[in-house]
Every structure is written in structure tokens, then in C-alpha cells.
Amino acid sequence: MRTTLLLASACLQAGCGQPKPDIDVASAPPTPTSFIQADTSDTTSASHPTLAGAYATEGGWGRLSIEAPAVEGVRFTLETENAGNGCNFSGQVRGRRAVVYEGAMASQCTLDLTSSRRGIAVSTSTADACNAYCGHNGSYRGDYLRLPAACTPDAIAHARERFKQLYDSKDYAQANQALAPVYRGCLPTLPMVDEGGVRNDYALVRHKLHDNAGCLEALDKYRADVARNDEGIVDGMAPTVAEEYLAVVGAARTNLALCGDRRASANR
């Protein structure tokens, strides 16, 4: 029976899902972190080393990177993708603010950074100036969660490439170990396509290890859509998002059938 692997490299930019700017993290357990202190000075801050790191929104539509302090200041980049419309910012962190630069000159766009329970909340009081860095309906406000080391874009790309090498060499036990940390810890902040790729790959390797229950569990998120026709699945989606999601669901349909889902088999 023909199987399908979604082994696209992990997105290094933000993902392609629908925007989710108003994420509620109130129910999440507190994580001991120290992000931004009460100092609101405009001086370039080298006193907040804990800011440095990689962050992403739930659903992976936004990615924020803050570099370690250096002589020239604390650099940041923020990129988002929202149904084909994205934003792109870069500049310097100064106290509680991220100032967007154009070349060597500071712009009028300033992003406000506020510590949240799991990362940084991004907002702005200069919306008109900041919207110039976005496409139509591009979104960037929201909660950006600090990513564990295993969930940074580079770490995920490395893990998925390692998985592919091991899977292709039929070393399924080691392939499972390579991908398991991403599957278990990184799915909430992955873009839609990358989440679908990881779920489908993990399902396949669980099947190869004679764990069809684990395969079905990995793809449970797509079971309802697998039973529908394509038009019903993508109704209301932007065209680019619809095409990508149908590829994910198509792979899930094949792999669910492979792992014993009778309803998926009937709809292939």
C-alpha cells in the first residue's frame, strides 16, 4: 500500500494558518521566567539577557527572535504570516520597546513588549506606522511563547532531516527517537503545514514500529476532515491556505487507512 511522507523542511518563518492574535494564556501553568523589568528607559538595554531567544505564537503564525546583547545593542526580528498576508519587522530592543529600523535609521514604528506568563506579549501604540510593515490585514499583536531549545526553527529542521535519513535507511527506532521530541513538545507553536508534516511522519514511524494505536493518535486531529469532501474541508479558507491544508489532510487520509482506520479507507 502506498504511503505518504510530508517531509518539507521546517518553516523558518512564520506559518500559514489563520491569525490568532488574541491568544488566552491565562489557563496555562506559570513558568518561572524573568523577561522585562520595570525600567522603561529608552536606552538600548544590555541588562536583560533573559530576553534573548526564540519565540512563536500558538499556531506558529508569528515568530520573534531576540539576539543576545552585543556592542551595537539588542537586535530583534519579528515575522508573521496570516492567510497570505504577513508582517516583517527588525530593529533594536530598548528597555520595554522594540524600535523598528530602516537601515541605520529608527522608524516611527515601535512595538511594546510586555512579559507574559510564558513569554512576551507584543502590542503597539504606533499602529499606523507599524502597519506599513504588513500586508493587507497582516497581524502581529499577540502572545509569543518562549521556545524550548528543541523547538527552535533550526532545531526542528535538524531533527526532521535526521528523521528522514534514518527513516530512509529503515532504522525506524532511531528515526522515532529523532522526531519524538518535536512531536511531543513543539506542535502547539508549529505552523499548520509543519505540524501536519510532523504528525504524518510520526504516524508512519509508529506504524513501522507496529504501533498503529500511536499512528492513529498522531493523526486524530484530522479524522473529522478526512471523512469530508475537499470542498467542505476548505470552505471559507483563503486559497493558499486551502491548498496546503488539503495536502496535509490527503496525507493523513492515506496514513490513517494504513494504520487501520476504516472510515479513512472508505474515503480514499
C-alpha atoms as a PDB file:
ATOM      1  CA  MET A   1       0.000   0.000   0.000  1.00  0.00           C
ATOM      2  CA  ARG A   2       1.380   3.427  -0.945  1.00  0.00           C
ATOM      3  CA  THR A   3       2.318   5.657   1.986  1.00  0.00           C
ATOM      4  CA  THR A   4       2.801   9.385   2.051  1.00  0.00           C
ATOM      5  CA  LEU A   5       5.501  11.355   3.838  1.00  0.00           C
ATOM      6  CA  LEU A   6       5.306  15.076   4.377  1.00  0.00           C
ATOM      7  CA  LEU A   7       8.962  15.858   4.799  1.00  0.00           C
ATOM      8  CA  ALA A   8       9.000  19.508   3.904  1.00  0.00           C
ATOM      9  CA  SER A   9      11.692  21.389   5.784  1.00  0.00           C
ATOM     10  CA  ALA A  10      10.502  23.206   8.892  1.00  0.00           C
ATOM     11  CA  CYS A  11       9.411  26.777   8.175  1.00  0.00           C
ATOM     12  CA  LEU A  12      11.990  29.246   9.375  1.00  0.00           C
ATOM     13  CA  GLN A  13       9.477  31.999   9.021  1.00  0.00           C
ATOM     14  CA  ALA A  14       6.039  32.194  10.488  1.00  0.00           C
ATOM     15  CA  GLY A  15       3.362  29.752   9.389  1.00  0.00           C
ATOM     16  CA  CYS A  16       0.446  29.835   7.030  1.00  0.00           C
ATOM     17  CA  GLY A  17      -2.565  29.345   9.289  1.00  0.00           C
ATOM     18  CA  GLN A  18      -5.270  31.765  10.147  1.00  0.00           C
ATOM     19  CA  PRO A  19      -4.238  34.579  12.521  1.00  0.00           C
ATOM     20  CA  LYS A  20      -4.762  34.123  16.221  1.00  0.00           C
ATOM     21  CA  PRO A  21      -3.748  37.446  17.720  1.00  0.00           C
ATOM     22  CA  ASP A  22      -5.803  37.171  20.910  1.00  0.00           C
ATOM     23  CA  ILE A  23      -4.393  34.025  22.500  1.00  0.00           C
ATOM     24  CA  ASP A  24      -5.531  33.401  26.030  1.00  0.00           C
ATOM     25  CA  VAL A  25      -2.728  32.051  28.159  1.00  0.00           C
ATOM     26  CA  ALA A  26      -4.431  32.617  31.482  1.00  0.00           C
ATOM     27  CA  SER A  27      -5.123  28.932  31.951  1.00  0.00           C
ATOM     28  CA  ALA A  28      -1.521  27.907  31.380  1.00  0.00           C
ATOM     29  CA  PRO A  29       0.589  26.988  34.402  1.00  0.00           C
ATOM     30  CA  PRO A  30       3.095  29.665  35.341  1.00  0.00           C
ATOM     31  CA  THR A  31       6.646  29.159  34.142  1.00  0.00           C
ATOM     32  CA  PRO A  32       9.447  30.713  36.213  1.00  0.00           C
ATOM     33  CA  THR A  33      10.934  33.294  33.865  1.00  0.00           C
ATOM     34  CA  SER A  34      12.338  36.775  34.038  1.00  0.00           C
ATOM     35  CA  PHE A  35      11.731  38.792  30.926  1.00  0.00           C
ATOM     36  CA  ILE A  36      11.417  42.562  31.120  1.00  0.00           C
ATOM     37  CA  GLN A  37      11.995  44.585  34.255  1.00  0.00           C
ATOM     38  CA  ALA A  38      10.100  47.709  35.266  1.00  0.00           C
ATOM     39  CA  ASP A  39      12.716  50.002  33.696  1.00  0.00           C
ATOM     40  CA  THR A  40      11.159  51.862  30.770  1.00  0.00           C
ATOM     41  CA  SER A  41      14.320  53.699  29.766  1.00  0.00           C
ATOM     42  CA  ASP A  42      14.836  54.327  26.044  1.00  0.00           C
ATOM     43  CA  THR A  43      18.492  53.418  26.420  1.00  0.00           C
ATOM     44  CA  THR A  44      19.454  50.320  24.423  1.00  0.00           C
ATOM     45  CA  SER A  45      19.254  47.583  27.005  1.00  0.00           C
ATOM     46  CA  ALA A  46      22.126  45.204  27.638  1.00  0.00           C
ATOM     47  CA  SER A  47      20.734  44.456  31.087  1.00  0.00           C
ATOM     48  CA  HIS A  48      18.021  41.976  30.034  1.00  0.00           C
ATOM     49  CA  PRO A  49      19.922  38.912  28.807  1.00  0.00           C
ATOM     50  CA  THR A  50      16.901  36.690  29.505  1.00  0.00           C
ATOM     51  CA  LEU A  51      15.111  38.385  26.616  1.00  0.00           C
ATOM     52  CA  ALA A  52      17.404  36.671  24.145  1.00  0.00           C
ATOM     53  CA  GLY A  53      15.852  33.663  22.492  1.00  0.00           C
ATOM     54  CA  ALA A  54      13.287  32.385  20.024  1.00  0.00           C
ATOM     55  CA  TYR A  55       9.530  32.848  20.457  1.00  0.00           C
ATOM     56  CA  ALA A  56       6.445  31.836  18.496  1.00  0.00           C
ATOM     57  CA  THR A  57       2.696  32.239  18.713  1.00  0.00           C
ATOM     58  CA  GLU A  58       0.344  29.323  19.158  1.00  0.00           C
ATOM     59  CA  GLY A  59      -0.308  28.036  15.668  1.00  0.00           C
ATOM     60  CA  GLY A  60       3.071  29.332  14.522  1.00  0.00           C
ATOM     61  CA  TRP A  61       1.737  32.334  12.582  1.00  0.00           C
ATOM     62  CA  GLY A  62       4.215  34.652  14.319  1.00  0.00           C
ATOM     63  CA  ARG A  63       7.920  34.256  15.097  1.00  0.00           C
ATOM     64  CA  LEU A  64      10.018  36.574  17.221  1.00  0.00           C
ATOM     65  CA  SER A  65      13.784  36.330  17.640  1.00  0.00           C
ATOM     66  CA  ILE A  66      15.821  38.437  20.066  1.00  0.00           C
ATOM     67  CA  GLU A  67      19.585  38.174  19.902  1.00  0.00           C
ATOM     68  CA  ALA A  68      21.953  38.254  22.838  1.00  0.00           C
ATOM     69  CA  PRO A  69      23.128  41.756  23.793  1.00  0.00           C
ATOM     70  CA  ALA A  70      26.049  42.998  21.705  1.00  0.00           C
ATOM     71  CA  VAL A  71      28.054  46.183  21.345  1.00  0.00           C
ATOM     72  CA  GLU A  72      25.572  47.622  18.859  1.00  0.00           C
ATOM     73  CA  GLY A  73      22.577  46.784  21.065  1.00  0.00           C
ATOM     74  CA  VAL A  74      19.935  44.076  21.277  1.00  0.00           C
ATOM     75  CA  ARG A  75      18.716  43.123  17.804  1.00  0.00           C
ATOM     76  CA  PHE A  76      15.292  41.628  17.105  1.00  0.00           C
ATOM     77  CA  THR A  77      13.286  40.320  14.168  1.00  0.00           C
ATOM     78  CA  LEU A  78       9.557  39.618  14.082  1.00  0.00           C
ATOM     79  CA  GLU A  79       7.870  37.909  11.124  1.00  0.00           C
ATOM     80  CA  THR A  80       4.271  36.814  10.735  1.00  0.00           C
ATOM     81  CA  GLU A  81       2.144  35.088   8.098  1.00  0.00           C
ATOM     82  CA  ASN A  82      -1.640  35.357   8.148  1.00  0.00           C
ATOM     83  CA  ALA A  83      -3.529  33.736   5.262  1.00  0.00           C
ATOM     84  CA  GLY A  84      -1.084  35.127   2.735  1.00  0.00           C
ATOM     85  CA  ASN A  85      -0.632  38.488   4.454  1.00  0.00           C
ATOM     86  CA  GLY A  86       2.371  38.932   6.699  1.00  0.00           C
ATOM     87  CA  CYS A  87       4.460  41.460   8.580  1.00  0.00           C
ATOM     88  CA  ASN A  88       8.219  41.880   8.744  1.00  0.00           C
ATOM     89  CA  PHE A  89       9.978  43.918  11.434  1.00  0.00           C
ATOM     90  CA  SER A  90      13.594  44.246  12.529  1.00  0.00           C
ATOM     91  CA  GLY A  91      15.466  46.644  14.741  1.00  0.00           C
ATOM     92  CA  GLN A  92      16.655  47.118  18.304  1.00  0.00           C
ATOM     93  CA  VAL A  93      15.185  46.372  21.734  1.00  0.00           C
ATOM     94  CA  ARG A  94      15.330  49.371  24.049  1.00  0.00           C
ATOM     95  CA  GLY A  95      14.015  48.764  27.535  1.00  0.00           C
ATOM     96  CA  ARG A  96      10.393  47.628  27.110  1.00  0.00           C
ATOM     97  CA  ARG A  97      10.213  48.667  23.461  1.00  0.00           C
ATOM     98  CA  ALA A  98      11.339  47.194  20.159  1.00  0.00           C
ATOM     99  CA  VAL A  99      12.183  50.008  17.771  1.00  0.00           C
ATOM    100  CA  VAL A 100      11.907  49.144  14.084  1.00  0.00           C
ATOM    101  CA  TYR A 101      14.825  50.332  11.964  1.00  0.00           C
ATOM    102  CA  GLU A 102      15.125  51.109   8.273  1.00  0.00           C
ATOM    103  CA  GLY A 103      18.793  50.615   7.586  1.00  0.00           C
ATOM    104  CA  ALA A 104      20.656  52.646  10.190  1.00  0.00           C
ATOM    105  CA  MET A 105      17.694  54.902  10.965  1.00  0.00           C
ATOM    106  CA  ALA A 106      14.998  54.337  13.581  1.00  0.00           C
ATOM    107  CA  SER A 107      11.471  54.467  12.166  1.00  0.00           C
ATOM    108  CA  GLN A 108       8.293  55.739  13.793  1.00  0.00           C
ATOM    109  CA  CYS A 109       7.138  52.156  14.458  1.00  0.00           C
ATOM    110  CA  THR A 110       7.673  50.911  17.999  1.00  0.00           C
ATOM    111  CA  LEU A 111       6.462  47.589  19.363  1.00  0.00           C
ATOM    112  CA  ASP A 112       5.636  47.359  23.069  1.00  0.00           C
ATOM    113  CA  LEU A 113       6.986  44.258  24.826  1.00  0.00           C
ATOM    114  CA  THR A 114       5.290  43.038  27.990  1.00  0.00           C
ATOM    115  CA  SER A 115       6.237  39.955  29.960  1.00  0.00           C
ATOM    116  CA  SER A 116       3.535  37.287  29.985  1.00  0.00           C
ATOM    117  CA  ARG A 117       3.330  34.024  31.892  1.00  0.00           C
ATOM    118  CA  ARG A 118       5.080  32.094  29.167  1.00  0.00           C
ATOM    119  CA  GLY A 119       6.849  34.654  27.033  1.00  0.00           C
ATOM    120  CA  ILE A 120       6.318  38.121  25.594  1.00  0.00           C
ATOM    121  CA  ALA A 121       3.107  39.912  24.653  1.00  0.00           C
ATOM    122  CA  VAL A 122       3.556  42.194  21.642  1.00  0.00           C
ATOM    123  CA  SER A 123       1.394  45.283  21.146  1.00  0.00           C
ATOM    124  CA  THR A 124       1.910  48.816  19.864  1.00  0.00           C
ATOM    125  CA  SER A 125       0.822  52.394  20.383  1.00  0.00           C
ATOM    126  CA  THR A 126       2.050  53.345  16.892  1.00  0.00           C
ATOM    127  CA  ALA A 127      -0.271  51.177  14.824  1.00  0.00           C
ATOM    128  CA  ASP A 128      -0.362  53.442  11.749  1.00  0.00           C
ATOM    129  CA  ALA A 129       3.416  53.461  11.454  1.00  0.00           C
ATOM    130  CA  CYS A 130       3.748  49.733  12.130  1.00  0.00           C
ATOM    131  CA  ASN A 131       1.026  48.699   9.687  1.00  0.00           C
ATOM    132  CA  ALA A 132       3.285  49.931   6.891  1.00  0.00           C
ATOM    133  CA  TYR A 133       5.437  46.830   7.506  1.00  0.00           C
ATOM    134  CA  CYS A 134       2.491  44.480   6.942  1.00  0.00           C
ATOM    135  CA  GLY A 135       0.470  43.281   4.006  1.00  0.00           C
ATOM    136  CA  HIS A 136      -3.283  43.759   3.836  1.00  0.00           C
ATOM    137  CA  ASN A 137      -4.802  42.530   7.108  1.00  0.00           C
ATOM    138  CA  GLY A 138      -1.392  41.403   8.347  1.00  0.00           C
ATOM    139  CA  SER A 139      -1.362  40.795  12.091  1.00  0.00           C
ATOM    140  CA  TYR A 140       1.440  40.853  14.658  1.00  0.00           C
ATOM    141  CA  ARG A 141      -0.148  41.610  18.032  1.00  0.00           C
ATOM    142  CA  GLY A 142      -0.391  38.670  20.413  1.00  0.00           C
ATOM    143  CA  ASP A 143       1.426  36.391  22.826  1.00  0.00           C
ATOM    144  CA  TYR A 144       4.764  34.981  21.707  1.00  0.00           C
ATOM    145  CA  LEU A 145       5.778  31.935  23.713  1.00  0.00           C
ATOM    146  CA  ARG A 146       9.409  31.254  24.538  1.00  0.00           C
ATOM    147  CA  LEU A 147      10.503  28.180  22.616  1.00  0.00           C
ATOM    148  CA  PRO A 148      12.429  25.347  24.290  1.00  0.00           C
ATOM    149  CA  ALA A 149      15.754  24.544  22.664  1.00  0.00           C
ATOM    150  CA  ALA A 150      14.249  21.551  20.839  1.00  0.00           C
ATOM    151  CA  CYS A 151      11.528  23.726  19.295  1.00  0.00           C
ATOM    152  CA  THR A 152      13.556  26.481  17.657  1.00  0.00           C
ATOM    153  CA  PRO A 153      13.335  26.554  13.843  1.00  0.00           C
ATOM    154  CA  ASP A 154      16.928  25.364  13.441  1.00  0.00           C
ATOM    155  CA  ALA A 155      16.495  22.527  15.924  1.00  0.00           C
ATOM    156  CA  ILE A 156      13.286  21.342  14.244  1.00  0.00           C
ATOM    157  CA  ALA A 157      14.842  21.485  10.787  1.00  0.00           C
ATOM    158  CA  HIS A 158      17.772  19.403  12.039  1.00  0.00           C
ATOM    159  CA  ALA A 159      15.511  16.866  13.755  1.00  0.00           C
ATOM    160  CA  ARG A 160      13.354  16.409  10.665  1.00  0.00           C
ATOM    161  CA  GLU A 161      16.317  15.990   8.371  1.00  0.00           C
ATOM    162  CA  ARG A 162      17.807  13.441  10.777  1.00  0.00           C
ATOM    163  CA  PHE A 163      14.457  11.650  10.867  1.00  0.00           C
ATOM    164  CA  LYS A 164      14.344  11.472   7.065  1.00  0.00           C
ATOM    165  CA  GLN A 165      17.839   9.988   6.869  1.00  0.00           C
ATOM    166  CA  LEU A 166      17.080   7.344   9.476  1.00  0.00           C
ATOM    167  CA  TYR A 167      13.637   6.524   8.059  1.00  0.00           C
ATOM    168  CA  ASP A 168      15.032   6.133   4.550  1.00  0.00           C
ATOM    169  CA  SER A 169      17.684   3.775   5.916  1.00  0.00           C
ATOM    170  CA  LYS A 170      14.893   1.801   7.643  1.00  0.00           C
ATOM    171  CA  ASP A 171      16.281   2.494  11.122  1.00  0.00           C
ATOM    172  CA  TYR A 172      12.797   3.143  12.452  1.00  0.00           C
ATOM    173  CA  ALA A 173      13.635   3.027  16.151  1.00  0.00           C
ATOM    174  CA  GLN A 174      16.257   5.763  15.804  1.00  0.00           C
ATOM    175  CA  ALA A 175      14.023   7.734  13.436  1.00  0.00           C
ATOM    176  CA  ASN A 176      11.319   7.660  16.102  1.00  0.00           C
ATOM    177  CA  GLN A 177      13.762   8.970  18.705  1.00  0.00           C
ATOM    178  CA  ALA A 178      14.850  11.786  16.394  1.00  0.00           C
ATOM    179  CA  LEU A 179      11.310  13.066  15.811  1.00  0.00           C
ATOM    180  CA  ALA A 180       9.667  12.287  19.160  1.00  0.00           C
ATOM    181  CA  PRO A 181      10.869  15.462  20.967  1.00  0.00           C
ATOM    182  CA  VAL A 182       9.360  17.625  18.218  1.00  0.00           C
ATOM    183  CA  TYR A 183       6.102  15.674  18.199  1.00  0.00           C
ATOM    184  CA  ARG A 184       5.761  15.697  21.980  1.00  0.00           C
ATOM    185  CA  GLY A 185       6.864  19.243  22.716  1.00  0.00           C
ATOM    186  CA  CYS A 186       6.624  21.522  19.686  1.00  0.00           C
ATOM    187  CA  LEU A 187       3.293  21.002  17.915  1.00  0.00           C
ATOM    188  CA  PRO A 188       1.417  23.930  19.553  1.00  0.00           C
ATOM    189  CA  THR A 189       3.790  26.530  18.081  1.00  0.00           C
ATOM    190  CA  LEU A 190       4.297  24.962  14.644  1.00  0.00           C
ATOM    191  CA  PRO A 191       2.715  26.428  11.519  1.00  0.00           C
ATOM    192  CA  MET A 192      -0.084  24.351  10.018  1.00  0.00           C
ATOM    193  CA  VAL A 193       1.977  22.723   7.261  1.00  0.00           C
ATOM    194  CA  ASP A 194       4.849  21.833   9.567  1.00  0.00           C
ATOM    195  CA  GLU A 195       2.518  20.436  12.207  1.00  0.00           C
ATOM    196  CA  GLY A 196       0.879  18.300   9.544  1.00  0.00           C
ATOM    197  CA  GLY A 197       4.240  17.075   8.314  1.00  0.00           C
ATOM    198  CA  VAL A 198       5.424  16.131  11.788  1.00  0.00           C
ATOM    199  CA  ARG A 199       2.150  14.373  12.630  1.00  0.00           C
ATOM    200  CA  ASN A 200       2.162  12.376   9.394  1.00  0.00           C
ATOM    201  CA  ASP A 201       5.823  11.423   9.716  1.00  0.00           C
ATOM    202  CA  TYR A 202       5.429  10.401  13.333  1.00  0.00           C
ATOM    203  CA  ALA A 203       2.334   8.370  12.480  1.00  0.00           C
ATOM    204  CA  LEU A 204       4.252   6.494   9.778  1.00  0.00           C
ATOM    205  CA  VAL A 205       7.180   5.645  12.004  1.00  0.00           C
ATOM    206  CA  ARG A 206       4.819   4.424  14.739  1.00  0.00           C
ATOM    207  CA  HIS A 207       3.202   2.163  12.121  1.00  0.00           C
ATOM    208  CA  LYS A 208       6.616   0.835  11.147  1.00  0.00           C
ATOM    209  CA  LEU A 209       7.211   0.056  14.826  1.00  0.00           C
ATOM    210  CA  HIS A 210       3.913  -1.913  14.907  1.00  0.00           C
ATOM    211  CA  ASP A 211       2.154   0.732  16.981  1.00  0.00           C
ATOM    212  CA  ASN A 212      -0.975   1.514  14.982  1.00  0.00           C
ATOM    213  CA  ALA A 213      -2.624   2.983  18.064  1.00  0.00           C
ATOM    214  CA  GLY A 214       0.166   5.559  18.219  1.00  0.00           C
ATOM    215  CA  CYS A 215      -0.231   6.195  14.499  1.00  0.00           C
ATOM    216  CA  LEU A 216      -3.955   6.847  14.865  1.00  0.00           C
ATOM    217  CA  GLU A 217      -3.396   9.072  17.878  1.00  0.00           C
ATOM    218  CA  ALA A 218      -0.908  11.230  15.974  1.00  0.00           C
ATOM    219  CA  LEU A 219      -3.469  11.848  13.213  1.00  0.00           C
ATOM    220  CA  ASP A 220      -6.600  12.082  15.353  1.00  0.00           C
ATOM    221  CA  LYS A 221      -6.730  15.845  14.756  1.00  0.00           C
ATOM    222  CA  TYR A 222      -7.580  15.237  11.081  1.00  0.00           C
ATOM    223  CA  ARG A 223     -10.105  12.408  11.409  1.00  0.00           C
ATOM    224  CA  ALA A 224     -13.183  14.611  11.107  1.00  0.00           C
ATOM    225  CA  ASP A 225     -11.895  16.327   7.971  1.00  0.00           C
ATOM    226  CA  VAL A 226     -10.736  13.047   6.437  1.00  0.00           C
ATOM    227  CA  ALA A 227     -14.390  11.960   6.357  1.00  0.00           C
ATOM    228  CA  ARG A 228     -15.465  15.074   4.422  1.00  0.00           C
ATOM    229  CA  ASN A 229     -15.069  16.039   0.772  1.00  0.00           C
ATOM    230  CA  ASP A 230     -12.443  18.595  -0.203  1.00  0.00           C
ATOM    231  CA  GLU A 231     -14.919  21.416  -0.811  1.00  0.00           C
ATOM    232  CA  GLY A 232     -16.381  21.004   2.641  1.00  0.00           C
ATOM    233  CA  ILE A 233     -12.941  20.883   4.241  1.00  0.00           C
ATOM    234  CA  VAL A 234     -11.679  24.183   2.820  1.00  0.00           C
ATOM    235  CA  ASP A 235     -14.928  26.166   2.775  1.00  0.00           C
ATOM    236  CA  GLY A 236     -14.083  29.693   3.910  1.00  0.00           C
ATOM    237  CA  MET A 237     -10.301  29.235   3.753  1.00  0.00           C
ATOM    238  CA  ALA A 238      -8.001  31.504   1.760  1.00  0.00           C
ATOM    239  CA  PRO A 239      -6.877  29.735  -1.447  1.00  0.00           C
ATOM    240  CA  THR A 240      -3.225  29.349  -0.435  1.00  0.00           C
ATOM    241  CA  VAL A 241      -4.171  28.009   2.990  1.00  0.00           C
ATOM    242  CA  ALA A 242      -6.758  25.665   1.474  1.00  0.00           C
ATOM    243  CA  GLU A 243      -4.245  24.106  -0.913  1.00  0.00           C
ATOM    244  CA  GLU A 244      -1.728  23.478   1.837  1.00  0.00           C
ATOM    245  CA  TYR A 245      -4.266  22.084   4.265  1.00  0.00           C
ATOM    246  CA  LEU A 246      -5.686  19.718   1.660  1.00  0.00           C
ATOM    247  CA  ALA A 247      -2.172  18.313   1.177  1.00  0.00           C
ATOM    248  CA  VAL A 248      -1.946  17.676   4.921  1.00  0.00           C
ATOM    249  CA  VAL A 249      -5.390  16.035   5.051  1.00  0.00           C
ATOM    250  CA  GLY A 250      -4.661  13.976   1.959  1.00  0.00           C
ATOM    251  CA  ALA A 251      -1.548  12.521   3.549  1.00  0.00           C
ATOM    252  CA  ALA A 252      -3.442  11.936   6.796  1.00  0.00           C
ATOM    253  CA  ARG A 253      -6.219  10.105   4.908  1.00  0.00           C
ATOM    254  CA  THR A 254      -3.658   7.714   3.359  1.00  0.00           C
ATOM    255  CA  ASN A 255      -1.830   7.147   6.611  1.00  0.00           C
ATOM    256  CA  LEU A 256      -4.952   6.685   8.725  1.00  0.00           C
ATOM    257  CA  ALA A 257      -6.089   3.983   6.310  1.00  0.00           C
ATOM    258  CA  LEU A 258      -2.649   2.395   6.513  1.00  0.00           C
ATOM    259  CA  CYS A 259      -2.958   2.248  10.288  1.00  0.00           C
ATOM    260  CA  GLY A 260      -6.402   0.634  10.289  1.00  0.00           C
ATOM    261  CA  ASP A 261      -8.912   3.480  10.248  1.00  0.00           C
ATOM    262  CA  ARG A 262     -11.843   2.008   8.304  1.00  0.00           C
ATOM    263  CA  ARG A 263     -13.547   5.345   7.715  1.00  0.00           C
ATOM    264  CA  ALA A 264     -10.370   6.734   6.119  1.00  0.00           C
ATOM    265  CA  SER A 265     -10.125   3.642   3.916  1.00  0.00           C
ATOM    266  CA  ALA A 266     -13.686   4.173   2.697  1.00  0.00           C
ATOM    267  CA  ASN A 267     -12.973   7.793   1.752  1.00  0.00           C
ATOM    268  CA  ARG A 268      -9.722   7.308  -0.141  1.00  0.00           C
END
